Amino acid sequence: MRHSAVTDLPLRFTADPLVAAVAGAMSGRHVRIFVLVVAAGVVSLAVVLAFAGYRWRSQSAAFVESLERGLARAPRAAYSSAELAGLPAPVARYFRAVLREG
């Protein structure tokens, strides 16, 4: 009776015939190669995710810095209640409530 390399159970007790066929066909060398391929994939994914995180943080920091530089250079705009002419009444009421003249 042949045994499965994966479960060490006789193949006739395996519920799925496909699993039994694959397990029976995989020798110890094939299992090692499979594990190495999966490990390489996991390491590659970890490297890609680490690089993506680094890039996201550095580009976000550069973007925030450029926004702050622009904010420091922006002149302060003066508000006049005459600018509210032509706006819908609720909008004009809101601006009168939150903005200061001058």
Protein backbone atom coordinates (compact mmCIF):
# COMPACT_ATOMS: atom_id res chain seq x y z
CA MET A 1 0.00 0.00 0.00
CA ARG A 2 1.36 3.46 -0.94
CA HIS A 3 1.44 6.28 1.60
CA SER A 4 0.83 9.98 1.11
CA ALA A 5 3.94 12.13 1.51
CA VAL A 6 1.86 14.94 2.99
CA THR A 7 -0.22 13.17 5.62
CA ASP A 8 1.61 9.86 5.99
CA LEU A 9 -1.77 8.13 5.78
CA PRO A 10 -2.52 5.42 3.28
CA LEU A 11 -3.82 6.97 0.07
CA ARG A 12 -6.95 4.87 0.13
CA PHE A 13 -8.12 6.82 3.23
CA THR A 14 -7.82 10.19 1.53
CA ALA A 15 -11.23 11.71 0.84
CA ASP A 16 -10.31 13.67 -2.28
CA PRO A 17 -8.79 11.65 -5.14
CA LEU A 18 -7.05 14.76 -6.54
CA VAL A 19 -5.33 15.41 -3.21
CA ALA A 20 -4.33 11.78 -3.07
CA ALA A 21 -2.88 11.91 -6.59
CA VAL A 22 -0.94 15.10 -5.92
CA ALA A 23 0.31 13.92 -2.53
CA GLY A 24 1.37 10.61 -4.00
CA ALA A 25 3.18 12.31 -6.88
CA MET A 26 5.13 14.75 -4.69
CA SER A 27 8.40 13.37 -3.47
CA GLY A 28 10.43 14.95 -0.69
CA ARG A 29 12.39 16.94 -3.25
CA HIS A 30 9.24 18.33 -4.84
CA VAL A 31 7.92 19.38 -1.44
CA ARG A 32 11.18 21.22 -0.68
CA ILE A 33 11.05 23.00 -4.03
CA PHE A 34 7.42 23.95 -3.45
CA VAL A 35 8.25 25.31 0.02
CA LEU A 36 11.18 27.31 -1.39
CA VAL A 37 8.99 28.80 -4.13
CA VAL A 38 6.30 29.77 -1.62
CA ALA A 39 8.93 31.24 0.74
CA ALA A 40 10.46 33.25 -2.11
CA GLY A 41 7.01 34.57 -2.97
CA VAL A 42 6.35 35.60 0.63
CA VAL A 43 9.74 37.33 0.89
CA SER A 44 9.15 39.12 -2.43
CA LEU A 45 5.73 40.30 -1.27
CA ALA A 46 7.21 41.57 2.00
CA VAL A 47 9.91 43.51 0.13
CA VAL A 48 7.38 45.05 -2.26
CA LEU A 49 5.07 46.05 0.60
CA ALA A 50 7.96 47.55 2.59
CA PHE A 51 9.08 49.58 -0.43
CA ALA A 52 5.51 50.71 -1.12
CA GLY A 53 5.12 51.84 2.50
CA TYR A 54 8.41 53.74 2.40
CA ARG A 55 7.45 55.43 -0.85
CA TRP A 56 3.96 56.31 0.42
CA ARG A 57 5.39 57.92 3.58
CA SER A 58 8.10 59.87 1.76
CA GLN A 59 5.77 61.19 -0.94
CA SER A 60 3.10 62.07 1.63
CA ALA A 61 5.66 63.99 3.69
CA ALA A 62 6.84 65.86 0.58
CA PHE A 63 3.25 66.71 -0.36
CA VAL A 64 2.41 67.99 3.13
CA GLU A 65 5.60 70.05 3.12
CA SER A 66 4.68 71.64 -0.23
CA LEU A 67 1.20 72.45 1.09
CA GLU A 68 2.66 74.08 4.20
CA ARG A 69 5.10 76.14 2.09
CA GLY A 70 2.22 77.34 -0.06
CA LEU A 71 0.17 78.20 3.01
CA ALA A 72 2.98 80.32 4.42
CA ARG A 73 3.27 82.30 1.15
CA ALA A 74 -0.45 82.83 0.60
CA PRO A 75 -1.57 86.40 1.30
CA ARG A 76 -4.44 86.81 3.69
CA ALA A 77 -7.54 87.78 1.75
CA ALA A 78 -9.73 90.60 2.98
CA TYR A 79 -13.48 90.08 3.08
CA SER A 80 -16.11 92.67 2.27
CA SER A 81 -19.83 92.15 2.78
CA ALA A 82 -20.37 93.64 -0.67
CA GLU A 83 -18.94 90.42 -2.11
CA LEU A 84 -22.03 88.56 -0.89
CA ALA A 85 -24.31 90.30 -3.39
CA GLY A 86 -25.87 87.80 -5.74
CA LEU A 87 -25.35 84.77 -3.52
CA PRO A 88 -28.35 82.69 -2.38
CA ALA A 89 -29.75 83.85 0.96
CA PRO A 90 -28.63 80.78 3.01
CA VAL A 91 -25.08 81.08 1.66
CA ALA A 92 -24.92 84.83 2.38
CA ARG A 93 -26.23 84.23 5.95
CA TYR A 94 -23.58 81.58 6.51
CA PHE A 95 -20.74 83.80 5.29
CA ARG A 96 -21.97 86.74 7.40
CA ALA A 97 -21.96 84.44 10.43
CA VAL A 98 -18.47 82.95 9.95
CA LEU A 99 -16.46 85.71 8.25
CA ARG A 100 -15.21 88.96 9.76
CA GLU A 101 -15.20 92.20 7.82
CA GLY A 102 -11.78 93.41 6.72
